[in-house]
Amino acid sequence: MTKKEKTYSLNLSLGDKTYKGKGETMLEALKDLKMPVKIMSKAILTISDGERSYGLDYLPLKTKRLFWKNAQPILAKQFMMLLGKVKQ
């Protein structure tokens, strides 16, 4: 019997473009997101673990923070809390 691997996915919608990231952990999925050339408008971030999904509206500054290396582990844990996978 094989164990089904859990994959996390992130979809970032900026205007008419969509950027996707997937990984075995939320941090890997966040690091897999490709950084857009310019972030000038609101974005919609959808996080999913296969069972649940959650959508967030982000302003441009908060969207840019998704790609800061020091902020990514903190954001990954916050996303896991939203999905109900980690207790505070």
C-alpha atoms as a PDB file:
ATOM      1  CA  MET A   1       0.000   0.000   0.000  1.00  0.00           C
ATOM      2  CA  THR A   2       1.460   3.362  -0.980  1.00  0.00           C
ATOM      3  CA  LYS A   3       0.889   6.480   1.004  1.00  0.00           C
ATOM      4  CA  LYS A   4      -0.607   9.338  -0.990  1.00  0.00           C
ATOM      5  CA  GLU A   5       1.623  12.388  -0.852  1.00  0.00           C
ATOM      6  CA  LYS A   6      -0.037  15.622   0.177  1.00  0.00           C
ATOM      7  CA  THR A   7       0.661  18.501  -2.147  1.00  0.00           C
ATOM      8  CA  TYR A   8       0.032  22.112  -1.359  1.00  0.00           C
ATOM      9  CA  SER A   9      -0.687  24.627  -4.074  1.00  0.00           C
ATOM     10  CA  LEU A  10      -0.723  28.404  -4.331  1.00  0.00           C
ATOM     11  CA  ASN A  11      -2.352  30.389  -7.136  1.00  0.00           C
ATOM     12  CA  LEU A  12      -1.562  34.089  -7.405  1.00  0.00           C
ATOM     13  CA  SER A  13      -3.826  36.024  -9.781  1.00  0.00           C
ATOM     14  CA  LEU A  14      -2.539  39.427 -10.865  1.00  0.00           C
ATOM     15  CA  GLY A  15      -4.733  41.049 -13.474  1.00  0.00           C
ATOM     16  CA  ASP A  16      -4.965  38.619 -16.384  1.00  0.00           C
ATOM     17  CA  LYS A  17      -1.971  36.478 -15.367  1.00  0.00           C
ATOM     18  CA  THR A  18      -1.871  33.567 -12.937  1.00  0.00           C
ATOM     19  CA  TYR A  19       1.253  32.288 -11.197  1.00  0.00           C
ATOM     20  CA  LYS A  20       1.237  28.816  -9.641  1.00  0.00           C
ATOM     21  CA  GLY A  21       3.394  27.075  -7.073  1.00  0.00           C
ATOM     22  CA  LYS A  22       3.236  23.495  -5.793  1.00  0.00           C
ATOM     23  CA  GLY A  23       5.164  21.553  -3.189  1.00  0.00           C
ATOM     24  CA  GLU A  24       5.085  18.824  -0.574  1.00  0.00           C
ATOM     25  CA  THR A  25       5.123  21.515   2.121  1.00  0.00           C
ATOM     26  CA  MET A  26       3.591  24.965   2.146  1.00  0.00           C
ATOM     27  CA  LEU A  27       7.055  26.547   2.223  1.00  0.00           C
ATOM     28  CA  GLU A  28       8.106  24.622  -0.908  1.00  0.00           C
ATOM     29  CA  ALA A  29       4.940  25.748  -2.682  1.00  0.00           C
ATOM     30  CA  LEU A  30       5.635  29.354  -1.678  1.00  0.00           C
ATOM     31  CA  LYS A  31       9.228  29.146  -2.925  1.00  0.00           C
ATOM     32  CA  ASP A  32       7.996  27.594  -6.194  1.00  0.00           C
ATOM     33  CA  LEU A  33       5.946  30.708  -7.058  1.00  0.00           C
ATOM     34  CA  LYS A  34       7.567  32.729  -9.834  1.00  0.00           C
ATOM     35  CA  MET A  35       7.958  36.425  -9.066  1.00  0.00           C
ATOM     36  CA  PRO A  36       6.083  38.713 -11.477  1.00  0.00           C
ATOM     37  CA  VAL A  37       8.011  41.469 -13.247  1.00  0.00           C
ATOM     38  CA  LYS A  38       5.883  44.245 -11.714  1.00  0.00           C
ATOM     39  CA  ILE A  39       3.346  44.187  -8.920  1.00  0.00           C
ATOM     40  CA  MET A  40       1.184  47.273  -9.268  1.00  0.00           C
ATOM     41  CA  SER A  41      -2.361  46.094  -8.530  1.00  0.00           C
ATOM     42  CA  LYS A  42      -4.322  44.004  -6.077  1.00  0.00           C
ATOM     43  CA  ALA A  43      -3.815  40.256  -6.170  1.00  0.00           C
ATOM     44  CA  ILE A  44      -5.880  37.225  -5.217  1.00  0.00           C
ATOM     45  CA  LEU A  45      -3.969  34.415  -3.536  1.00  0.00           C
ATOM     46  CA  THR A  46      -5.644  31.008  -3.329  1.00  0.00           C
ATOM     47  CA  ILE A  47      -4.068  28.404  -1.052  1.00  0.00           C
ATOM     48  CA  SER A  48      -5.073  24.760  -1.162  1.00  0.00           C
ATOM     49  CA  ASP A  49      -4.060  21.442   0.370  1.00  0.00           C
ATOM     50  CA  GLY A  50      -6.234  19.212  -1.819  1.00  0.00           C
ATOM     51  CA  GLU A  51      -9.084  19.082   0.698  1.00  0.00           C
ATOM     52  CA  ARG A  52      -9.616  22.733   1.556  1.00  0.00           C
ATOM     53  CA  SER A  53      -8.913  25.963  -0.244  1.00  0.00           C
ATOM     54  CA  TYR A  54      -8.837  29.528   0.993  1.00  0.00           C
ATOM     55  CA  GLY A  55      -8.754  32.808  -0.949  1.00  0.00           C
ATOM     56  CA  LEU A  56      -7.064  36.018   0.175  1.00  0.00           C
ATOM     57  CA  ASP A  57      -7.092  39.532  -1.301  1.00  0.00           C
ATOM     58  CA  TYR A  58      -3.679  41.186  -1.201  1.00  0.00           C
ATOM     59  CA  LEU A  59      -2.628  44.798  -1.751  1.00  0.00           C
ATOM     60  CA  PRO A  60       0.589  45.389  -3.762  1.00  0.00           C
ATOM     61  CA  LEU A  61       2.938  45.735  -0.749  1.00  0.00           C
ATOM     62  CA  LYS A  62       1.645  42.569   0.879  1.00  0.00           C
ATOM     63  CA  THR A  63       1.938  40.741  -2.454  1.00  0.00           C
ATOM     64  CA  LYS A  64       5.606  41.749  -2.700  1.00  0.00           C
ATOM     65  CA  ARG A  65       6.194  40.282   0.771  1.00  0.00           C
ATOM     66  CA  LEU A  66       5.339  36.828  -0.579  1.00  0.00           C
ATOM     67  CA  PHE A  67       8.717  36.834  -2.328  1.00  0.00           C
ATOM     68  CA  TRP A  68      10.882  38.076   0.550  1.00  0.00           C
ATOM     69  CA  LYS A  69      13.095  35.171   1.697  1.00  0.00           C
ATOM     70  CA  ASN A  70      12.898  36.077   5.407  1.00  0.00           C
ATOM     71  CA  ALA A  71       9.095  36.355   5.370  1.00  0.00           C
ATOM     72  CA  GLN A  72       8.365  33.083   3.558  1.00  0.00           C
ATOM     73  CA  PRO A  73       8.636  30.685   6.559  1.00  0.00           C
ATOM     74  CA  ILE A  74       6.339  32.924   8.614  1.00  0.00           C
ATOM     75  CA  LEU A  75       3.803  33.220   5.792  1.00  0.00           C
ATOM     76  CA  ALA A  76       3.887  29.452   5.224  1.00  0.00           C
ATOM     77  CA  LYS A  77       2.979  28.846   8.872  1.00  0.00           C
ATOM     78  CA  GLN A  78       0.172  31.441   8.692  1.00  0.00           C
ATOM     79  CA  PHE A  79      -1.233  29.728   5.593  1.00  0.00           C
ATOM     80  CA  MET A  80      -1.136  26.370   7.387  1.00  0.00           C
ATOM     81  CA  MET A  81      -3.089  27.919  10.276  1.00  0.00           C
ATOM     82  CA  LEU A  82      -5.723  29.186   7.822  1.00  0.00           C
ATOM     83  CA  LEU A  83      -6.123  25.665   6.474  1.00  0.00           C
ATOM     84  CA  GLY A  84      -6.458  24.314  10.032  1.00  0.00           C
ATOM     85  CA  LYS A  85      -3.314  22.173   9.897  1.00  0.00           C
ATOM     86  CA  VAL A  86      -1.348  23.874  12.693  1.00  0.00           C
ATOM     87  CA  LYS A  87      -2.537  24.900  16.131  1.00  0.00           C
ATOM     88  CA  GLN A  88      -1.382  28.217  17.575  1.00  0.00           C
END
